[in-house]
PDB file of all heavy atoms in Angstrom:
ATOM      1  N   ILE A   1     161.625  -1.078 -23.647  1.00  0.00           N
ATOM      2  CA  ILE A   1     162.108  -0.337 -22.436  1.00  0.00           C
ATOM      3  C   ILE A   1     162.602   1.040 -22.859  1.00  0.00           C
ATOM      4  O   ILE A   1     162.211   2.137 -22.311  1.00  0.00           O
ATOM      5  CB  ILE A   1     163.103  -0.993 -21.554  1.00  0.00           C
ATOM      6  CG1 ILE A   1     162.439  -2.284 -21.004  1.00  0.00           C
ATOM      7  CG2 ILE A   1     163.627  -0.181 -20.552  1.00  0.00           C
ATOM      8  CD1 ILE A   1     163.376  -3.241 -20.287  1.00  0.00           C
ATOM      9  N   LEU A   2     163.411   1.161 -23.851  1.00  0.00           N
ATOM     10  CA  LEU A   2     164.032   2.354 -24.231  1.00  0.00           C
ATOM     11  C   LEU A   2     162.983   3.316 -24.828  1.00  0.00           C
ATOM     12  O   LEU A   2     163.017   4.533 -24.590  1.00  0.00           O
ATOM     13  CB  LEU A   2     165.096   2.121 -25.411  1.00  0.00           C
ATOM     14  CG  LEU A   2     166.374   1.521 -24.855  1.00  0.00           C
ATOM     15  CD1 LEU A   2     167.351   1.171 -26.030  1.00  0.00           C
ATOM     16  CD2 LEU A   2     167.135   2.516 -23.917  1.00  0.00           C
ATOM     17  N   ALA A   3     162.013   2.773 -25.515  1.00  0.00           N
ATOM     18  CA  ALA A   3     161.017   3.615 -26.074  1.00  0.00           C
ATOM     19  C   ALA A   3     160.163   4.208 -24.907  1.00  0.00           C
ATOM     20  O   ALA A   3     159.886   5.369 -24.871  1.00  0.00           O
ATOM     21  CB  ALA A   3     160.099   2.723 -26.977  1.00  0.00           C
ATOM     22  N   ALA A   4     159.809   3.373 -23.944  1.00  0.00           N
ATOM     23  CA  ALA A   4     159.001   3.811 -22.813  1.00  0.00           C
ATOM     24  C   ALA A   4     159.840   4.864 -21.952  1.00  0.00           C
ATOM     25  O   ALA A   4     159.258   5.881 -21.514  1.00  0.00           O
ATOM     26  CB  ALA A   4     158.630   2.710 -21.873  1.00  0.00           C
ATOM     27  N   THR A   5     161.102   4.598 -21.892  1.00  0.00           N
ATOM     28  CA  THR A   5     162.007   5.560 -21.093  1.00  0.00           C
ATOM     29  C   THR A   5     162.018   6.889 -21.859  1.00  0.00           C
ATOM     30  O   THR A   5     161.988   7.983 -21.232  1.00  0.00           O
ATOM     31  CB  THR A   5     163.319   4.944 -20.924  1.00  0.00           C
ATOM     32  OG1 THR A   5     163.267   3.774 -20.233  1.00  0.00           O
ATOM     33  CG2 THR A   5     164.264   5.919 -20.140  1.00  0.00           C
ATOM     34  N   GLY A   6     162.189   6.823 -23.172  1.00  0.00           N
ATOM     35  CA  GLY A   6     162.253   8.064 -23.985  1.00  0.00           C
ATOM     36  C   GLY A   6     161.034   8.856 -23.869  1.00  0.00           C
ATOM     37  O   GLY A   6     161.090  10.097 -23.673  1.00  0.00           O
ATOM     38  N   VAL A   7     159.887   8.204 -23.917  1.00  0.00           N
ATOM     39  CA  VAL A   7     158.616   8.962 -23.833  1.00  0.00           C
ATOM     40  C   VAL A   7     158.500   9.601 -22.433  1.00  0.00           C
ATOM     41  O   VAL A   7     158.163  10.784 -22.362  1.00  0.00           O
ATOM     42  CB  VAL A   7     157.380   7.998 -24.088  1.00  0.00           C
ATOM     43  CG1 VAL A   7     156.089   8.683 -23.777  1.00  0.00           C
ATOM     44  CG2 VAL A   7     157.473   7.580 -25.543  1.00  0.00           C
ATOM     45  N   ALA A   8     158.788   8.868 -21.408  1.00  0.00           N
ATOM     46  CA  ALA A   8     158.732   9.379 -20.066  1.00  0.00           C
ATOM     47  C   ALA A   8     159.714  10.488 -19.802  1.00  0.00           C
ATOM     48  O   ALA A   8     159.290  11.476 -19.234  1.00  0.00           O
ATOM     49  CB  ALA A   8     158.962   8.288 -19.016  1.00  0.00           C
ATOM     50  N   ALA A   9     160.920  10.360 -20.331  1.00  0.00           N
ATOM     51  CA  ALA A   9     161.919  11.475 -20.171  1.00  0.00           C
ATOM     52  C   ALA A   9     161.485  12.690 -20.982  1.00  0.00           C
ATOM     53  O   ALA A   9     161.598  13.762 -20.444  1.00  0.00           O
ATOM     54  CB  ALA A   9     163.215  11.003 -20.737  1.00  0.00           C
ATOM     55  N   LEU A  10     160.914  12.552 -22.161  1.00  0.00           N
ATOM     56  CA  LEU A  10     160.336  13.620 -22.927  1.00  0.00           C
ATOM     57  C   LEU A  10     159.308  14.460 -22.233  1.00  0.00           C
ATOM     58  O   LEU A  10     159.261  15.528 -22.128  1.00  0.00           O
ATOM     59  CB  LEU A  10     159.926  13.114 -24.246  1.00  0.00           C
ATOM     60  CG  LEU A  10     159.396  14.277 -25.261  1.00  0.00           C
ATOM     61  CD1 LEU A  10     160.561  15.293 -25.569  1.00  0.00           C
ATOM     62  CD2 LEU A  10     158.877  13.644 -26.562  1.00  0.00           C
ATOM     63  N   LEU A  11     158.394  13.618 -21.729  1.00  0.00           N
ATOM     64  CA  LEU A  11     157.311  14.211 -20.905  1.00  0.00           C
ATOM     65  C   LEU A  11     157.783  15.013 -19.662  1.00  0.00           C
ATOM     66  O   LEU A  11     157.381  16.090 -19.372  1.00  0.00           O
ATOM     67  CB  LEU A  11     156.254  13.135 -20.549  1.00  0.00           C
ATOM     68  CG  LEU A  11     155.408  12.517 -21.596  1.00  0.00           C
ATOM     69  CD1 LEU A  11     154.545  11.373 -21.093  1.00  0.00           C
ATOM     70  CD2 LEU A  11     154.556  13.572 -22.267  1.00  0.00           C
ATOM     71  N   ALA A  12     158.786  14.318 -18.881  1.00  0.00           N
ATOM     72  CA  ALA A  12     159.336  15.018 -17.802  1.00  0.00           C
ATOM     73  C   ALA A  12     160.116  16.202 -18.175  1.00  0.00           C
ATOM     74  O   ALA A  12     160.020  17.274 -17.475  1.00  0.00           O
ATOM     75  CB  ALA A  12     160.318  14.006 -17.043  1.00  0.00           C
ATOM     76  N   ILE A  13     160.802  16.245 -19.375  1.00  0.00           N
ATOM     77  CA  ILE A  13     161.554  17.426 -19.739  1.00  0.00           C
ATOM     78  C   ILE A  13     160.531  18.570 -20.097  1.00  0.00           C
ATOM     79  O   ILE A  13     160.736  19.710 -19.675  1.00  0.00           O
ATOM     80  CB  ILE A  13     162.440  17.106 -20.959  1.00  0.00           C
ATOM     81  CG1 ILE A  13     163.567  16.203 -20.561  1.00  0.00           C
ATOM     82  CG2 ILE A  13     162.958  18.425 -21.586  1.00  0.00           C
ATOM     83  CD1 ILE A  13     164.383  15.610 -21.582  1.00  0.00           C
ATOM     84  N   LEU A  14     159.486  18.213 -20.763  1.00  0.00           N
ATOM     85  CA  LEU A  14     158.452  19.251 -21.115  1.00  0.00           C
ATOM     86  C   LEU A  14     157.851  19.754 -19.834  1.00  0.00           C
ATOM     87  O   LEU A  14     157.627  21.013 -19.731  1.00  0.00           O
ATOM     88  CB  LEU A  14     157.392  18.544 -22.073  1.00  0.00           C
ATOM     89  CG  LEU A  14     157.818  18.195 -23.526  1.00  0.00           C
ATOM     90  CD1 LEU A  14     156.689  17.533 -24.240  1.00  0.00           C
ATOM     91  CD2 LEU A  14     158.246  19.460 -24.261  1.00  0.00           C
ATOM     92  N   LEU A  15     157.554  18.892 -18.883  1.00  0.00           N
ATOM     93  CA  LEU A  15     157.006  19.402 -17.586  1.00  0.00           C
ATOM     94  C   LEU A  15     157.884  20.300 -16.864  1.00  0.00           C
ATOM     95  O   LEU A  15     157.441  21.287 -16.305  1.00  0.00           O
ATOM     96  CB  LEU A  15     156.567  18.120 -16.730  1.00  0.00           C
ATOM     97  CG  LEU A  15     155.904  18.414 -15.425  1.00  0.00           C
ATOM     98  CD1 LEU A  15     154.582  19.126 -15.692  1.00  0.00           C
ATOM     99  CD2 LEU A  15     155.674  17.229 -14.561  1.00  0.00           C
ATOM    100  N   SER A  16     159.192  19.960 -16.921  1.00  0.00           N
ATOM    101  CA  SER A  16     160.235  20.834 -16.162  1.00  0.00           C
ATOM    102  C   SER A  16     160.259  22.235 -16.903  1.00  0.00           C
ATOM    103  O   SER A  16     160.364  23.233 -16.291  1.00  0.00           O
ATOM    104  CB  SER A  16     161.565  20.121 -16.060  1.00  0.00           C
ATOM    105  OG  SER A  16     162.089  19.990 -17.449  1.00  0.00           O
ATOM    106  N   ILE A  17     160.191  22.202 -18.258  1.00  0.00           N
ATOM    107  CA  ILE A  17     160.312  23.425 -18.844  1.00  0.00           C
ATOM    108  C   ILE A  17     159.027  24.303 -18.570  1.00  0.00           C
ATOM    109  O   ILE A  17     159.152  25.573 -18.335  1.00  0.00           O
ATOM    110  CB  ILE A  17     160.402  23.260 -20.416  1.00  0.00           C
ATOM    111  CG1 ILE A  17     161.730  22.605 -20.715  1.00  0.00           C
ATOM    112  CG2 ILE A  17     160.324  24.542 -21.214  1.00  0.00           C
ATOM    113  CD1 ILE A  17     161.885  22.158 -22.181  1.00  0.00           C
ATOM    114  N   LEU A  18     157.893  23.697 -18.506  1.00  0.00           N
ATOM    115  CA  LEU A  18     156.676  24.425 -18.168  1.00  0.00           C
ATOM    116  C   LEU A  18     156.729  25.004 -16.829  1.00  0.00           C
ATOM    117  O   LEU A  18     156.346  26.158 -16.547  1.00  0.00           O
ATOM    118  CB  LEU A  18     155.538  23.550 -18.401  1.00  0.00           C
ATOM    119  CG  LEU A  18     155.044  23.091 -19.855  1.00  0.00           C
ATOM    120  CD1 LEU A  18     153.899  22.091 -19.779  1.00  0.00           C
ATOM    121  CD2 LEU A  18     154.656  24.353 -20.652  1.00  0.00           C
ATOM    122  N   ILE A  19     157.225  24.152 -15.856  1.00  0.00           N
ATOM    123  CA  ILE A  19     157.273  24.566 -14.482  1.00  0.00           C
ATOM    124  C   ILE A  19     158.286  25.761 -14.337  1.00  0.00           C
ATOM    125  O   ILE A  19     158.043  26.714 -13.726  1.00  0.00           O
ATOM    126  CB  ILE A  19     157.763  23.485 -13.539  1.00  0.00           C
ATOM    127  CG1 ILE A  19     156.569  22.348 -13.515  1.00  0.00           C
ATOM    128  CG2 ILE A  19     157.984  23.938 -12.161  1.00  0.00           C
ATOM    129  CD1 ILE A  19     156.916  21.179 -12.821  1.00  0.00           C
ATOM    130  N   THR A  20     159.493  25.626 -15.035  1.00  0.00           N
ATOM    131  CA  THR A  20     160.426  26.747 -15.001  1.00  0.00           C
ATOM    132  C   THR A  20     159.869  27.915 -15.554  1.00  0.00           C
ATOM    133  O   THR A  20     160.006  29.064 -15.025  1.00  0.00           O
ATOM    134  CB  THR A  20     161.640  26.316 -15.770  1.00  0.00           C
ATOM    135  OG1 THR A  20     162.257  25.088 -15.132  1.00  0.00           O
ATOM    136  CG2 THR A  20     162.775  27.386 -15.702  1.00  0.00           C
ATOM    137  N   ASN A  21     159.155  27.890 -16.710  1.00  0.00           N
ATOM    138  CA  ASN A  21     158.561  29.040 -17.392  1.00  0.00           C
ATOM    139  C   ASN A  21     157.610  29.655 -16.463  1.00  0.00           C
ATOM    140  O   ASN A  21     157.534  30.917 -16.314  1.00  0.00           O
ATOM    141  CB  ASN A  21     157.986  28.599 -18.719  1.00  0.00           C
ATOM    142  CG  ASN A  21     157.410  29.816 -19.375  1.00  0.00           C
ATOM    143  OD1 ASN A  21     158.104  30.694 -19.939  1.00  0.00           O
ATOM    144  ND2 ASN A  21     156.103  29.850 -19.599  1.00  0.00           N
ATOM    145  N   TRP A  22     156.672  28.830 -15.782  1.00  0.00           N
ATOM    146  CA  TRP A  22     155.716  29.384 -14.859  1.00  0.00           C
ATOM    147  C   TRP A  22     156.348  30.046 -13.721  1.00  0.00           C
ATOM    148  O   TRP A  22     155.921  31.161 -13.123  1.00  0.00           O
ATOM    149  CB  TRP A  22     154.836  28.335 -14.465  1.00  0.00           C
ATOM    150  CG  TRP A  22     153.838  28.708 -13.450  1.00  0.00           C
ATOM    151  CD1 TRP A  22     152.665  29.357 -13.636  1.00  0.00           C
ATOM    152  CD2 TRP A  22     153.776  28.321 -11.970  1.00  0.00           C
ATOM    153  NE1 TRP A  22     151.939  29.608 -12.435  1.00  0.00           N
ATOM    154  CE2 TRP A  22     152.678  28.950 -11.396  1.00  0.00           C
ATOM    155  CE3 TRP A  22     154.711  27.631 -11.253  1.00  0.00           C
ATOM    156  CZ2 TRP A  22     152.332  28.824 -10.106  1.00  0.00           C
ATOM    157  CZ3 TRP A  22     154.478  27.482  -9.868  1.00  0.00           C
ATOM    158  CH2 TRP A  22     153.265  28.130  -9.327  1.00  0.00           C
ATOM    159  N   THR A  23     157.468  29.396 -13.168  1.00  0.00           N
ATOM    160  CA  THR A  23     158.093  30.008 -11.965  1.00  0.00           C
ATOM    161  C   THR A  23     158.807  31.336 -12.305  1.00  0.00           C
ATOM    162  O   THR A  23     158.813  32.195 -11.432  1.00  0.00           O
ATOM    163  CB  THR A  23     159.135  28.927 -11.466  1.00  0.00           C
ATOM    164  OG1 THR A  23     158.583  27.785 -11.147  1.00  0.00           O
ATOM    165  CG2 THR A  23     159.873  29.514 -10.201  1.00  0.00           C
ATOM    166  N   THR A  24     159.512  31.422 -13.515  1.00  0.00           N
ATOM    167  CA  THR A  24     160.231  32.580 -13.784  1.00  0.00           C
ATOM    168  C   THR A  24     159.517  33.698 -14.451  1.00  0.00           C
ATOM    169  O   THR A  24     159.952  34.812 -14.695  1.00  0.00           O
ATOM    170  CB  THR A  24     161.411  32.230 -14.729  1.00  0.00           C
ATOM    171  OG1 THR A  24     161.030  31.616 -15.902  1.00  0.00           O
ATOM    172  CG2 THR A  24     162.383  31.248 -13.949  1.00  0.00           C
ATOM    173  N   GLN A  25     158.175  33.387 -14.719  1.00  0.00           N
ATOM    174  CA  GLN A  25     157.460  34.416 -15.534  1.00  0.00           C
ATOM    175  C   GLN A  25     157.346  35.778 -14.671  1.00  0.00           C
ATOM    176  O   GLN A  25     157.372  36.894 -15.292  1.00  0.00           O
ATOM    177  CB  GLN A  25     156.043  33.826 -15.863  1.00  0.00           C
ATOM    178  CG  GLN A  25     155.150  34.701 -16.724  1.00  0.00           C
ATOM    179  CD  GLN A  25     153.835  34.084 -17.005  1.00  0.00           C
ATOM    180  OE1 GLN A  25     153.478  33.062 -16.527  1.00  0.00           O
ATOM    181  NE2 GLN A  25     153.141  34.685 -18.127  1.00  0.00           N
ATOM    182  N   PRO A  26     157.008  35.673 -13.357  1.00  0.00           N
ATOM    183  CA  PRO A  26     156.893  37.022 -12.697  1.00  0.00           C
ATOM    184  C   PRO A  26     158.249  37.745 -12.705  1.00  0.00           C
ATOM    185  O   PRO A  26     158.198  38.962 -12.870  1.00  0.00           O
ATOM    186  CB  PRO A  26     156.547  36.593 -11.317  1.00  0.00           C
ATOM    187  CG  PRO A  26     155.893  35.304 -11.412  1.00  0.00           C
ATOM    188  CD  PRO A  26     156.580  34.682 -12.564  1.00  0.00           C
ATOM    189  N   VAL A  27     159.299  37.041 -12.643  1.00  0.00           N
ATOM    190  CA  VAL A  27     160.652  37.778 -12.638  1.00  0.00           C
ATOM    191  C   VAL A  27     160.891  38.359 -14.111  1.00  0.00           C
ATOM    192  O   VAL A  27     161.408  39.501 -14.139  1.00  0.00           O
ATOM    193  CB  VAL A  27     161.736  36.786 -12.234  1.00  0.00           C
ATOM    194  CG1 VAL A  27     163.078  37.385 -12.346  1.00  0.00           C
ATOM    195  CG2 VAL A  27     161.549  36.146 -10.988  1.00  0.00           C
ATOM    196  N   ARG A  28     160.528  37.552 -15.054  1.00  0.00           N
ATOM    197  CA  ARG A  28     160.687  38.194 -16.430  1.00  0.00           C
ATOM    198  C   ARG A  28     159.770  39.451 -16.632  1.00  0.00           C
ATOM    199  O   ARG A  28     160.193  40.362 -17.188  1.00  0.00           O
ATOM    200  CB  ARG A  28     160.290  37.215 -17.481  1.00  0.00           C
ATOM    201  CG  ARG A  28     161.301  36.012 -17.516  1.00  0.00           C
ATOM    202  CD  ARG A  28     161.292  35.312 -18.794  1.00  0.00           C
ATOM    203  NE  ARG A  28     159.874  34.791 -19.073  1.00  0.00           N
ATOM    204  CZ  ARG A  28     159.352  33.621 -18.651  1.00  0.00           C
ATOM    205  NH1 ARG A  28     160.113  32.841 -17.965  1.00  0.00           N
ATOM    206  NH2 ARG A  28     158.108  33.269 -18.918  1.00  0.00           N
ATOM    207  N   ARG A  29     158.619  39.386 -16.176  1.00  0.00           N
ATOM    208  CA  ARG A  29     157.712  40.534 -16.284  1.00  0.00           C
ATOM    209  C   ARG A  29     158.295  41.707 -15.530  1.00  0.00           C
ATOM    210  O   ARG A  29     158.266  42.850 -16.047  1.00  0.00           O
ATOM    211  CB  ARG A  29     156.372  40.164 -15.690  1.00  0.00           C
ATOM    212  CG  ARG A  29     155.473  39.227 -16.591  1.00  0.00           C
ATOM    213  CD  ARG A  29     154.185  38.834 -15.936  1.00  0.00           C
ATOM    214  NE  ARG A  29     153.454  38.007 -16.793  1.00  0.00           N
ATOM    215  CZ  ARG A  29     152.225  37.486 -16.330  1.00  0.00           C
ATOM    216  NH1 ARG A  29     151.716  37.736 -15.157  1.00  0.00           N
ATOM    217  NH2 ARG A  29     151.576  36.735 -17.214  1.00  0.00           N
ATOM    218  N   LEU A  30     158.809  41.517 -14.348  1.00  0.00           N
ATOM    219  CA  LEU A  30     159.390  42.583 -13.566  1.00  0.00           C
ATOM    220  C   LEU A  30     160.595  43.116 -14.323  1.00  0.00           C
ATOM    221  O   LEU A  30     160.819  44.326 -14.344  1.00  0.00           O
ATOM    222  CB  LEU A  30     159.761  42.087 -12.057  1.00  0.00           C
ATOM    223  CG  LEU A  30     160.457  43.089 -11.244  1.00  0.00           C
ATOM    224  CD1 LEU A  30     159.527  44.349 -11.007  1.00  0.00           C
ATOM    225  CD2 LEU A  30     160.879  42.505  -9.917  1.00  0.00           C
ATOM    226  N   SER A  31     161.431  42.209 -14.826  1.00  0.00           N
ATOM    227  CA  SER A  31     162.606  42.699 -15.599  1.00  0.00           C
ATOM    228  C   SER A  31     162.236  43.518 -16.803  1.00  0.00           C
ATOM    229  O   SER A  31     162.830  44.563 -17.075  1.00  0.00           O
ATOM    230  CB  SER A  31     163.448  41.398 -15.982  1.00  0.00           C
ATOM    231  OG  SER A  31     164.584  41.852 -16.776  1.00  0.00           O
ATOM    232  N   ASP A  32     161.165  43.024 -17.547  1.00  0.00           N
ATOM    233  CA  ASP A  32     160.758  43.774 -18.706  1.00  0.00           C
ATOM    234  C   ASP A  32     160.212  45.098 -18.348  1.00  0.00           C
ATOM    235  O   ASP A  32     160.539  46.147 -19.053  1.00  0.00           O
ATOM    236  CB  ASP A  32     159.694  42.968 -19.420  1.00  0.00           C
ATOM    237  CG  ASP A  32     160.286  41.692 -20.078  1.00  0.00           C
ATOM    238  OD1 ASP A  32     161.475  41.592 -20.250  1.00  0.00           O
ATOM    239  OD2 ASP A  32     159.466  40.768 -20.364  1.00  0.00           O
ATOM    240  N   ALA A  33     159.488  45.174 -17.271  1.00  0.00           N
ATOM    241  CA  ALA A  33     158.938  46.397 -16.886  1.00  0.00           C
ATOM    242  C   ALA A  33     160.014  47.397 -16.464  1.00  0.00           C
ATOM    243  O   ALA A  33     159.960  48.572 -16.842  1.00  0.00           O
ATOM    244  CB  ALA A  33     157.967  46.209 -15.668  1.00  0.00           C
ATOM    245  N   ILE A  34     161.077  46.850 -15.826  1.00  0.00           N
ATOM    246  CA  ILE A  34     162.120  47.771 -15.338  1.00  0.00           C
ATOM    247  C   ILE A  34     162.890  48.247 -16.617  1.00  0.00           C
ATOM    248  O   ILE A  34     163.293  49.491 -16.738  1.00  0.00           O
ATOM    249  CB  ILE A  34     163.049  47.090 -14.404  1.00  0.00           C
ATOM    250  CG1 ILE A  34     162.389  46.750 -13.084  1.00  0.00           C
ATOM    251  CG2 ILE A  34     164.454  47.856 -14.156  1.00  0.00           C
ATOM    252  CD1 ILE A  34     163.167  45.932 -12.144  1.00  0.00           C
ATOM    253  N   GLN A  35     163.096  47.318 -17.592  1.00  0.00           N
ATOM    254  CA  GLN A  35     163.792  47.689 -18.780  1.00  0.00           C
ATOM    255  C   GLN A  35     163.016  48.769 -19.600  1.00  0.00           C
ATOM    256  O   GLN A  35     163.543  49.797 -20.095  1.00  0.00           O
ATOM    257  CB  GLN A  35     163.989  46.460 -19.706  1.00  0.00           C
ATOM    258  CG  GLN A  35     165.068  45.485 -19.144  1.00  0.00           C
ATOM    259  CD  GLN A  35     166.425  46.043 -19.088  1.00  0.00           C
ATOM    260  OE1 GLN A  35     166.795  46.957 -19.846  1.00  0.00           O
ATOM    261  NE2 GLN A  35     167.204  45.523 -18.284  1.00  0.00           N
ATOM    262  N   SER A  36     161.713  48.624 -19.736  1.00  0.00           N
ATOM    263  CA  SER A  36     160.944  49.615 -20.372  1.00  0.00           C
ATOM    264  C   SER A  36     160.883  50.928 -19.685  1.00  0.00           C
ATOM    265  O   SER A  36     160.812  52.005 -20.248  1.00  0.00           O
ATOM    266  CB  SER A  36     159.514  49.063 -20.665  1.00  0.00           C
ATOM    267  OG  SER A  36     158.851  48.814 -19.382  1.00  0.00           O
ATOM    268  N   PHE A  37     160.890  50.812 -18.373  1.00  0.00           N
ATOM    269  CA  PHE A  37     160.816  52.059 -17.517  1.00  0.00           C
ATOM    270  C   PHE A  37     162.104  52.813 -17.805  1.00  0.00           C
ATOM    271  O   PHE A  37     162.095  54.082 -17.775  1.00  0.00           O
ATOM    272  CB  PHE A  37     160.604  51.723 -16.084  1.00  0.00           C
ATOM    273  CG  PHE A  37     160.685  52.910 -15.138  1.00  0.00           C
ATOM    274  CD1 PHE A  37     159.638  53.848 -15.101  1.00  0.00           C
ATOM    275  CD2 PHE A  37     161.839  53.130 -14.308  1.00  0.00           C
ATOM    276  CE1 PHE A  37     159.750  54.959 -14.231  1.00  0.00           C
ATOM    277  CE2 PHE A  37     161.869  54.215 -13.547  1.00  0.00           C
ATOM    278  CZ  PHE A  37     160.852  55.073 -13.419  1.00  0.00           C
ATOM    279  N   ARG A  38     163.215  52.117 -17.856  1.00  0.00           N
ATOM    280  CA  ARG A  38     164.497  52.838 -18.083  1.00  0.00           C
ATOM    281  C   ARG A  38     164.543  53.527 -19.468  1.00  0.00           C
ATOM    282  O   ARG A  38     165.177  54.578 -19.596  1.00  0.00           O
ATOM    283  CB  ARG A  38     165.632  51.815 -17.951  1.00  0.00           C
ATOM    284  CG  ARG A  38     165.955  51.431 -16.514  1.00  0.00           C
ATOM    285  CD  ARG A  38     167.091  50.416 -16.506  1.00  0.00           C
ATOM    286  NE  ARG A  38     167.432  50.043 -15.153  1.00  0.00           N
ATOM    287  CZ  ARG A  38     168.312  49.175 -14.835  1.00  0.00           C
ATOM    288  NH1 ARG A  38     168.965  48.397 -15.809  1.00  0.00           N
ATOM    289  NH2 ARG A  38     168.505  48.765 -13.610  1.00  0.00           N
ATOM    290  N   LYS A  39     163.944  52.903 -20.449  1.00  0.00           N
ATOM    291  CA  LYS A  39     163.995  53.372 -21.828  1.00  0.00           C
ATOM    292  C   LYS A  39     163.059  54.524 -22.095  1.00  0.00           C
ATOM    293  O   LYS A  39     163.259  55.394 -22.991  1.00  0.00           O
ATOM    294  CB  LYS A  39     163.647  52.309 -22.858  1.00  0.00           C
ATOM    295  CG  LYS A  39     164.664  51.228 -22.982  1.00  0.00           C
ATOM    296  CD  LYS A  39     164.293  50.173 -23.907  1.00  0.00           C
ATOM    297  CE  LYS A  39     165.304  49.012 -23.905  1.00  0.00           C
ATOM    298  NZ  LYS A  39     164.951  47.976 -24.894  1.00  0.00           N
ATOM    299  N   SER A  40     162.112  54.607 -21.372  1.00  0.00           N
ATOM    300  CA  SER A  40     161.013  55.731 -21.515  1.00  0.00           C
ATOM    301  C   SER A  40     161.236  56.768 -20.444  1.00  0.00           C
ATOM    302  O   SER A  40     161.594  56.526 -19.285  1.00  0.00           O
ATOM    303  CB  SER A  40     159.611  55.192 -21.501  1.00  0.00           C
ATOM    304  OG  SER A  40     159.355  54.581 -20.153  1.00  0.00           O
TER     305      SER A  40
END
């Protein structure tokens, strides 16, 4: 049971990281663009 739970938890964690990365990607791009615009 622990082995199965660990695998399921690991997969869920990886999925949450991917979803978070996909969700925040536009915000990061906008932030990077604003930062580069300020520097140039």
